[in-house]
């Protein structure tokens, strides 16, 4: 696998690009001095020493005391678990102590970038209490399969409009439709909506809102689409029987 892939994943856990490079070097070579790490990575000794200190501070490396200071990478599973546990504790503290904030229900929010849009969709589904309507391509439905499956396990009503539905989501109310491609529409609890396009680009844009008029308009559009699917299905069935 390309080394940059490892570096980018490690950066998600709070390492700088230089720290991630040196962490990989330690991981592959065992205990190293700053001089040895600089020689192997081609990074200047001053930057290596700063990065090693950062790794130790962030819990990604151990300092081995001796005649010459050496560093050893903390096992990646241990490092990641520690970070996740710390973030979980921090999340709980913030949830308990942050001042109350009103959900912006009367405005429109533009969400840019594929990952940010997917994150928002995940959060909307995670917070849903009664029902979720989702219109998207089969590819996108498959990517969100686990989130949708968990909704079904919680007995939340799920309505899917797509060209293809994974087998374990068939307990949802499913409508087969074509032409979704990059289009996504999501309604949660008849309170919040997200609509736009997902092409896999950082330039993707979706609109999110809890504005009543906008929510009702999107609900009505999806109802009409469902009625059209049902009507077309009945016509096809009648034609087949004829």
C-alpha atoms as a PDB file:
ATOM      1  CA  UNK A   1       0.000   0.000   0.000  1.00  0.00           C
ATOM      2  CA  UNK A   2       1.167   3.546  -0.738  1.00  0.00           C
ATOM      3  CA  UNK A   3       2.966   5.092   2.255  1.00  0.00           C
ATOM      4  CA  UNK A   4       0.868   8.250   1.960  1.00  0.00           C
ATOM      5  CA  UNK A   5      -2.226   6.185   2.769  1.00  0.00           C
ATOM      6  CA  UNK A   6      -0.726   5.193   6.118  1.00  0.00           C
ATOM      7  CA  UNK A   7       0.360   8.750   6.827  1.00  0.00           C
ATOM      8  CA  UNK A   8      -3.084  10.199   6.066  1.00  0.00           C
ATOM      9  CA  UNK A   9      -4.790   7.623   8.313  1.00  0.00           C
ATOM     10  CA  UNK A  10      -2.377   8.340  11.163  1.00  0.00           C
ATOM     11  CA  UNK A  11      -3.030  12.062  10.777  1.00  0.00           C
ATOM     12  CA  UNK A  12      -6.698  11.392  11.534  1.00  0.00           C
ATOM     13  CA  UNK A  13      -5.499  10.403  15.019  1.00  0.00           C
ATOM     14  CA  UNK A  14      -3.880  13.780  15.628  1.00  0.00           C
ATOM     15  CA  UNK A  15      -0.365  13.317  14.258  1.00  0.00           C
ATOM     16  CA  UNK A  16       1.233  15.887  11.983  1.00  0.00           C
ATOM     17  CA  UNK A  17       2.445  14.691   8.595  1.00  0.00           C
ATOM     18  CA  UNK A  18       6.057  14.688   9.827  1.00  0.00           C
ATOM     19  CA  UNK A  19       5.155  12.861  13.044  1.00  0.00           C
ATOM     20  CA  UNK A  20       3.252  10.235  11.047  1.00  0.00           C
ATOM     21  CA  UNK A  21       6.278   9.668   8.770  1.00  0.00           C
ATOM     22  CA  UNK A  22       8.604   9.204  11.738  1.00  0.00           C
ATOM     23  CA  UNK A  23       6.058   6.976  13.523  1.00  0.00           C
ATOM     24  CA  UNK A  24       6.061   4.703  10.459  1.00  0.00           C
ATOM     25  CA  UNK A  25       9.858   4.674  10.486  1.00  0.00           C
ATOM     26  CA  UNK A  26       9.912   3.661  14.164  1.00  0.00           C
ATOM     27  CA  UNK A  27       7.213   1.056  13.573  1.00  0.00           C
ATOM     28  CA  UNK A  28       9.230  -0.574  10.807  1.00  0.00           C
ATOM     29  CA  UNK A  29      12.681  -0.345  12.381  1.00  0.00           C
ATOM     30  CA  UNK A  30      12.157  -0.801  16.122  1.00  0.00           C
ATOM     31  CA  UNK A  31      13.960   1.446  18.607  1.00  0.00           C
ATOM     32  CA  UNK A  32      15.854   4.342  17.035  1.00  0.00           C
ATOM     33  CA  UNK A  33      17.752   7.413  18.127  1.00  0.00           C
ATOM     34  CA  UNK A  34      16.866  10.771  16.653  1.00  0.00           C
ATOM     35  CA  UNK A  35      20.015  10.609  14.563  1.00  0.00           C
ATOM     36  CA  UNK A  36      19.055   7.185  13.149  1.00  0.00           C
ATOM     37  CA  UNK A  37      15.489   8.300  12.419  1.00  0.00           C
ATOM     38  CA  UNK A  38      16.790  11.383  10.610  1.00  0.00           C
ATOM     39  CA  UNK A  39      19.123   9.264   8.518  1.00  0.00           C
ATOM     40  CA  UNK A  40      16.357   6.812   7.543  1.00  0.00           C
ATOM     41  CA  UNK A  41      13.697   9.420   6.748  1.00  0.00           C
ATOM     42  CA  UNK A  42      15.847  12.178   5.280  1.00  0.00           C
ATOM     43  CA  UNK A  43      14.202  14.667   7.637  1.00  0.00           C
ATOM     44  CA  UNK A  44      16.493  17.174   9.354  1.00  0.00           C
ATOM     45  CA  UNK A  45      17.663  16.197  12.842  1.00  0.00           C
ATOM     46  CA  UNK A  46      16.097  19.256  14.483  1.00  0.00           C
ATOM     47  CA  UNK A  47      12.706  18.436  12.933  1.00  0.00           C
ATOM     48  CA  UNK A  48      13.063  14.755  13.845  1.00  0.00           C
ATOM     49  CA  UNK A  49      13.768  15.566  17.510  1.00  0.00           C
ATOM     50  CA  UNK A  50      10.755  17.898  17.627  1.00  0.00           C
ATOM     51  CA  UNK A  51       8.560  15.236  16.008  1.00  0.00           C
ATOM     52  CA  UNK A  52       9.796  12.508  18.365  1.00  0.00           C
ATOM     53  CA  UNK A  53       8.977  14.719  21.347  1.00  0.00           C
ATOM     54  CA  UNK A  54       5.527  15.282  19.827  1.00  0.00           C
ATOM     55  CA  UNK A  55       5.008  11.544  19.330  1.00  0.00           C
ATOM     56  CA  UNK A  56       5.918  10.839  22.951  1.00  0.00           C
ATOM     57  CA  UNK A  57       3.604  13.609  24.164  1.00  0.00           C
ATOM     58  CA  UNK A  58       0.714  12.305  22.047  1.00  0.00           C
ATOM     59  CA  UNK A  59       1.159   8.726  23.239  1.00  0.00           C
ATOM     60  CA  UNK A  60       2.444   7.391  19.916  1.00  0.00           C
ATOM     61  CA  UNK A  61       6.033   6.628  20.989  1.00  0.00           C
ATOM     62  CA  UNK A  62       7.915   5.489  24.092  1.00  0.00           C
ATOM     63  CA  UNK A  63      11.188   7.076  25.147  1.00  0.00           C
ATOM     64  CA  UNK A  64      13.719   4.348  26.016  1.00  0.00           C
ATOM     65  CA  UNK A  65      16.140   5.833  28.532  1.00  0.00           C
ATOM     66  CA  UNK A  66      19.782   4.814  28.294  1.00  0.00           C
ATOM     67  CA  UNK A  67      23.225   6.040  27.330  1.00  0.00           C
ATOM     68  CA  UNK A  68      21.566   7.510  24.236  1.00  0.00           C
ATOM     69  CA  UNK A  69      17.847   8.257  24.100  1.00  0.00           C
ATOM     70  CA  UNK A  70      15.973   5.911  21.794  1.00  0.00           C
ATOM     71  CA  UNK A  71      12.338   5.899  20.804  1.00  0.00           C
ATOM     72  CA  UNK A  72       9.961   3.041  20.073  1.00  0.00           C
ATOM     73  CA  UNK A  73       6.547   3.243  18.380  1.00  0.00           C
ATOM     74  CA  UNK A  74       3.547   2.389  20.536  1.00  0.00           C
ATOM     75  CA  UNK A  75       1.658  -0.525  18.845  1.00  0.00           C
ATOM     76  CA  UNK A  76      -0.848   0.988  16.430  1.00  0.00           C
ATOM     77  CA  UNK A  77      -3.862  -0.791  17.987  1.00  0.00           C
ATOM     78  CA  UNK A  78      -2.911   0.483  21.444  1.00  0.00           C
ATOM     79  CA  UNK A  79      -2.280   4.018  20.193  1.00  0.00           C
ATOM     80  CA  UNK A  80      -5.611   4.165  18.303  1.00  0.00           C
ATOM     81  CA  UNK A  81      -7.584   2.621  21.189  1.00  0.00           C
ATOM     82  CA  UNK A  82      -6.119   5.109  23.628  1.00  0.00           C
ATOM     83  CA  UNK A  83      -7.004   8.014  21.344  1.00  0.00           C
ATOM     84  CA  UNK A  84     -10.558   6.757  20.815  1.00  0.00           C
ATOM     85  CA  UNK A  85     -11.059   6.261  24.551  1.00  0.00           C
ATOM     86  CA  UNK A  86      -9.762   9.762  25.273  1.00  0.00           C
ATOM     87  CA  UNK A  87     -12.008  11.233  22.578  1.00  0.00           C
ATOM     88  CA  UNK A  88     -14.996   9.310  23.943  1.00  0.00           C
ATOM     89  CA  UNK A  89     -14.365  10.713  27.429  1.00  0.00           C
ATOM     90  CA  UNK A  90     -13.898  14.197  26.014  1.00  0.00           C
ATOM     91  CA  UNK A  91     -17.104  13.891  23.992  1.00  0.00           C
ATOM     92  CA  UNK A  92     -19.004  12.922  27.137  1.00  0.00           C
ATOM     93  CA  UNK A  93     -17.554  15.844  29.072  1.00  0.00           C
ATOM     94  CA  UNK A  94     -18.479  18.302  26.321  1.00  0.00           C
ATOM     95  CA  UNK A  95     -21.998  16.845  26.077  1.00  0.00           C
ATOM     96  CA  UNK A  96     -22.446  17.255  29.828  1.00  0.00           C
ATOM     97  CA  UNK A  97     -20.941  20.720  30.139  1.00  0.00           C
ATOM     98  CA  UNK A  98     -21.488  22.677  26.931  1.00  0.00           C
ATOM     99  CA  UNK A  99     -24.143  25.423  27.170  1.00  0.00           C
ATOM    100  CA  UNK A 100     -27.464  24.658  25.511  1.00  0.00           C
ATOM    101  CA  UNK A 101     -27.709  25.573  21.838  1.00  0.00           C
ATOM    102  CA  UNK A 102     -30.786  25.755  19.651  1.00  0.00           C
ATOM    103  CA  UNK A 103     -30.872  23.672  16.483  1.00  0.00           C
ATOM    104  CA  UNK A 104     -31.136  26.150  13.573  1.00  0.00           C
ATOM    105  CA  UNK A 105     -34.581  25.130  12.377  1.00  0.00           C
ATOM    106  CA  UNK A 106     -35.492  28.264  10.463  1.00  0.00           C
ATOM    107  CA  UNK A 107     -32.560  28.553   8.090  1.00  0.00           C
ATOM    108  CA  UNK A 108     -30.668  26.753   5.354  1.00  0.00           C
ATOM    109  CA  UNK A 109     -27.191  25.324   5.768  1.00  0.00           C
ATOM    110  CA  UNK A 110     -24.909  24.538   2.827  1.00  0.00           C
ATOM    111  CA  UNK A 111     -22.757  21.476   3.468  1.00  0.00           C
ATOM    112  CA  UNK A 112     -19.750  21.085   1.167  1.00  0.00           C
ATOM    113  CA  UNK A 113     -17.598  18.038   0.446  1.00  0.00           C
ATOM    114  CA  UNK A 114     -18.459  14.348   0.198  1.00  0.00           C
ATOM    115  CA  UNK A 115     -17.202  13.373   3.658  1.00  0.00           C
ATOM    116  CA  UNK A 116     -18.947  16.272   5.399  1.00  0.00           C
ATOM    117  CA  UNK A 117     -22.212  15.379   3.649  1.00  0.00           C
ATOM    118  CA  UNK A 118     -21.900  11.691   4.562  1.00  0.00           C
ATOM    119  CA  UNK A 119     -21.116  12.668   8.164  1.00  0.00           C
ATOM    120  CA  UNK A 120     -24.264  14.809   8.303  1.00  0.00           C
ATOM    121  CA  UNK A 121     -26.376  12.006   6.851  1.00  0.00           C
ATOM    122  CA  UNK A 122     -24.938   9.580   9.396  1.00  0.00           C
ATOM    123  CA  UNK A 123     -25.783  11.982  12.224  1.00  0.00           C
ATOM    124  CA  UNK A 124     -29.331  12.546  10.934  1.00  0.00           C
ATOM    125  CA  UNK A 125     -29.974   8.803  10.828  1.00  0.00           C
ATOM    126  CA  UNK A 126     -28.336   8.234  14.201  1.00  0.00           C
ATOM    127  CA  UNK A 127     -30.572  10.883  15.817  1.00  0.00           C
ATOM    128  CA  UNK A 128     -33.813   9.784  14.108  1.00  0.00           C
ATOM    129  CA  UNK A 129     -36.542   8.594  16.487  1.00  0.00           C
ATOM    130  CA  UNK A 130     -39.547   7.690  14.326  1.00  0.00           C
ATOM    131  CA  UNK A 131     -38.953   7.572  10.578  1.00  0.00           C
ATOM    132  CA  UNK A 132     -36.401   8.094   7.829  1.00  0.00           C
ATOM    133  CA  UNK A 133     -36.979   8.574   4.100  1.00  0.00           C
ATOM    134  CA  UNK A 134     -33.919   8.117   1.896  1.00  0.00           C
ATOM    135  CA  UNK A 135     -33.668   8.446  -1.868  1.00  0.00           C
ATOM    136  CA  UNK A 136     -30.289   7.545  -3.397  1.00  0.00           C
ATOM    137  CA  UNK A 137     -28.513   5.258  -5.825  1.00  0.00           C
ATOM    138  CA  UNK A 138     -27.925   1.611  -4.937  1.00  0.00           C
ATOM    139  CA  UNK A 139     -24.232   2.361  -4.550  1.00  0.00           C
ATOM    140  CA  UNK A 140     -24.882   5.025  -1.924  1.00  0.00           C
ATOM    141  CA  UNK A 141     -27.473   2.871  -0.147  1.00  0.00           C
ATOM    142  CA  UNK A 142     -24.876   0.088   0.110  1.00  0.00           C
ATOM    143  CA  UNK A 143     -22.348   2.528   1.611  1.00  0.00           C
ATOM    144  CA  UNK A 144     -24.892   3.516   4.272  1.00  0.00           C
ATOM    145  CA  UNK A 145     -26.132  -0.041   4.811  1.00  0.00           C
ATOM    146  CA  UNK A 146     -24.979  -0.322   8.426  1.00  0.00           C
ATOM    147  CA  UNK A 147     -26.622   2.964   9.466  1.00  0.00           C
ATOM    148  CA  UNK A 148     -29.883   1.925   7.799  1.00  0.00           C
ATOM    149  CA  UNK A 149     -29.743  -1.571   9.289  1.00  0.00           C
ATOM    150  CA  UNK A 150     -29.347  -0.118  12.792  1.00  0.00           C
ATOM    151  CA  UNK A 151     -32.451   2.027  12.212  1.00  0.00           C
ATOM    152  CA  UNK A 152     -34.425  -1.088  11.306  1.00  0.00           C
ATOM    153  CA  UNK A 153     -33.107  -2.873  14.404  1.00  0.00           C
ATOM    154  CA  UNK A 154     -34.433   0.034  16.499  1.00  0.00           C
ATOM    155  CA  UNK A 155     -37.868  -0.418  14.842  1.00  0.00           C
ATOM    156  CA  UNK A 156     -37.673   2.973  13.152  1.00  0.00           C
ATOM    157  CA  UNK A 157     -39.667   3.187   9.938  1.00  0.00           C
ATOM    158  CA  UNK A 158     -37.360   3.363   6.917  1.00  0.00           C
ATOM    159  CA  UNK A 159     -38.507   4.141   3.383  1.00  0.00           C
ATOM    160  CA  UNK A 160     -35.950   3.644   0.613  1.00  0.00           C
ATOM    161  CA  UNK A 161     -36.159   4.800  -3.001  1.00  0.00           C
ATOM    162  CA  UNK A 162     -33.372   3.301  -5.067  1.00  0.00           C
ATOM    163  CA  UNK A 163     -32.451   1.150  -8.044  1.00  0.00           C
ATOM    164  CA  UNK A 164     -30.983  -1.538  -5.773  1.00  0.00           C
ATOM    165  CA  UNK A 165     -31.532  -2.504  -2.128  1.00  0.00           C
ATOM    166  CA  UNK A 166     -29.148  -4.759  -0.139  1.00  0.00           C
ATOM    167  CA  UNK A 167     -30.783  -8.009   0.993  1.00  0.00           C
ATOM    168  CA  UNK A 168     -30.672  -7.320   4.721  1.00  0.00           C
ATOM    169  CA  UNK A 169     -32.484  -3.993   4.221  1.00  0.00           C
ATOM    170  CA  UNK A 170     -35.482  -5.594   2.530  1.00  0.00           C
ATOM    171  CA  UNK A 171     -37.541  -5.211   5.735  1.00  0.00           C
ATOM    172  CA  UNK A 172     -37.618  -1.479   4.979  1.00  0.00           C
ATOM    173  CA  UNK A 173     -40.381  -0.068   2.778  1.00  0.00           C
ATOM    174  CA  UNK A 174     -38.648  -0.219  -0.604  1.00  0.00           C
ATOM    175  CA  UNK A 175     -39.485   1.422  -3.907  1.00  0.00           C
ATOM    176  CA  UNK A 176     -37.493   0.575  -7.003  1.00  0.00           C
ATOM    177  CA  UNK A 177     -36.670   3.599  -9.097  1.00  0.00           C
ATOM    178  CA  UNK A 178     -34.072   4.542 -11.690  1.00  0.00           C
ATOM    179  CA  UNK A 179     -32.087   7.666 -12.477  1.00  0.00           C
ATOM    180  CA  UNK A 180     -30.834   8.488  -8.971  1.00  0.00           C
ATOM    181  CA  UNK A 181     -27.153   8.394  -9.909  1.00  0.00           C
ATOM    182  CA  UNK A 182     -25.581  11.148  -7.766  1.00  0.00           C
ATOM    183  CA  UNK A 183     -28.774  12.558  -6.271  1.00  0.00           C
ATOM    184  CA  UNK A 184     -29.469  12.137  -2.540  1.00  0.00           C
ATOM    185  CA  UNK A 185     -32.490  13.113  -0.469  1.00  0.00           C
ATOM    186  CA  UNK A 186     -32.896  12.381   3.226  1.00  0.00           C
ATOM    187  CA  UNK A 187     -35.754  13.269   5.573  1.00  0.00           C
ATOM    188  CA  UNK A 188     -35.576  12.446   9.285  1.00  0.00           C
ATOM    189  CA  UNK A 189     -38.636  12.516  11.552  1.00  0.00           C
ATOM    190  CA  UNK A 190     -40.366  14.963   9.183  1.00  0.00           C
ATOM    191  CA  UNK A 191     -38.233  17.658  10.853  1.00  0.00           C
ATOM    192  CA  UNK A 192     -34.958  17.857   8.963  1.00  0.00           C
ATOM    193  CA  UNK A 193     -34.005  17.370   5.331  1.00  0.00           C
ATOM    194  CA  UNK A 194     -30.837  17.105   3.300  1.00  0.00           C
ATOM    195  CA  UNK A 195     -30.823  17.217  -0.473  1.00  0.00           C
ATOM    196  CA  UNK A 196     -28.236  17.629  -3.214  1.00  0.00           C
ATOM    197  CA  UNK A 197     -25.640  15.655  -5.166  1.00  0.00           C
ATOM    198  CA  UNK A 198     -22.881  13.276  -4.112  1.00  0.00           C
ATOM    199  CA  UNK A 199     -20.333  12.654  -6.840  1.00  0.00           C
ATOM    200  CA  UNK A 200     -17.414  11.764  -4.577  1.00  0.00           C
ATOM    201  CA  UNK A 201     -15.850  15.204  -4.826  1.00  0.00           C
ATOM    202  CA  UNK A 202     -14.740  17.742  -2.231  1.00  0.00           C
ATOM    203  CA  UNK A 203     -16.888  20.182  -4.232  1.00  0.00           C
ATOM    204  CA  UNK A 204     -20.127  18.277  -3.650  1.00  0.00           C
ATOM    205  CA  UNK A 205     -22.869  20.469  -2.194  1.00  0.00           C
ATOM    206  CA  UNK A 206     -26.022  19.584  -0.267  1.00  0.00           C
ATOM    207  CA  UNK A 207     -28.601  21.768   1.425  1.00  0.00           C
ATOM    208  CA  UNK A 208     -29.654  20.960   4.999  1.00  0.00           C
ATOM    209  CA  UNK A 209     -32.607  22.557   6.747  1.00  0.00           C
ATOM    210  CA  UNK A 210     -35.298  22.216   9.381  1.00  0.00           C
ATOM    211  CA  UNK A 211     -37.307  24.992   7.762  1.00  0.00           C
ATOM    212  CA  UNK A 212     -40.937  23.833   7.828  1.00  0.00           C
ATOM    213  CA  UNK A 213     -41.895  24.964   4.327  1.00  0.00           C
ATOM    214  CA  UNK A 214     -38.792  23.343   2.807  1.00  0.00           C
ATOM    215  CA  UNK A 215     -39.325  20.093   4.732  1.00  0.00           C
ATOM    216  CA  UNK A 216     -42.965  19.918   3.619  1.00  0.00           C
ATOM    217  CA  UNK A 217     -42.039  20.636  -0.007  1.00  0.00           C
ATOM    218  CA  UNK A 218     -39.468  17.830  -0.092  1.00  0.00           C
ATOM    219  CA  UNK A 219     -41.873  15.445   1.645  1.00  0.00           C
ATOM    220  CA  UNK A 220     -44.521  16.213  -0.960  1.00  0.00           C
ATOM    221  CA  UNK A 221     -42.027  15.675  -3.793  1.00  0.00           C
ATOM    222  CA  UNK A 222     -41.084  12.264  -2.402  1.00  0.00           C
ATOM    223  CA  UNK A 223     -44.752  11.330  -1.883  1.00  0.00           C
ATOM    224  CA  UNK A 224     -45.465  12.181  -5.527  1.00  0.00           C
ATOM    225  CA  UNK A 225     -42.481  10.111  -6.635  1.00  0.00           C
ATOM    226  CA  UNK A 226     -43.735   7.140  -4.605  1.00  0.00           C
ATOM    227  CA  UNK A 227     -47.243   7.502  -6.069  1.00  0.00           C
ATOM    228  CA  UNK A 228     -45.765   7.546  -9.572  1.00  0.00           C
ATOM    229  CA  UNK A 229     -43.725   4.404  -8.839  1.00  0.00           C
ATOM    230  CA  UNK A 230     -46.830   2.664  -7.476  1.00  0.00           C
ATOM    231  CA  UNK A 231     -48.943   3.766 -10.452  1.00  0.00           C
ATOM    232  CA  UNK A 232     -46.312   2.660 -12.965  1.00  0.00           C
ATOM    233  CA  UNK A 233     -46.002  -0.668 -11.168  1.00  0.00           C
ATOM    234  CA  UNK A 234     -49.744  -1.242 -11.307  1.00  0.00           C
ATOM    235  CA  UNK A 235     -49.823  -0.374 -15.004  1.00  0.00           C
ATOM    236  CA  UNK A 236     -46.997  -2.818 -15.719  1.00  0.00           C
ATOM    237  CA  UNK A 237     -48.775  -5.508 -13.718  1.00  0.00           C
ATOM    238  CA  UNK A 238     -52.099  -4.905 -15.510  1.00  0.00           C
ATOM    239  CA  UNK A 239     -50.334  -5.018 -18.871  1.00  0.00           C
ATOM    240  CA  UNK A 240     -48.663  -8.294 -17.935  1.00  0.00           C
ATOM    241  CA  UNK A 241     -51.957  -9.826 -16.860  1.00  0.00           C
ATOM    242  CA  UNK A 242     -53.594  -8.729 -20.111  1.00  0.00           C
END
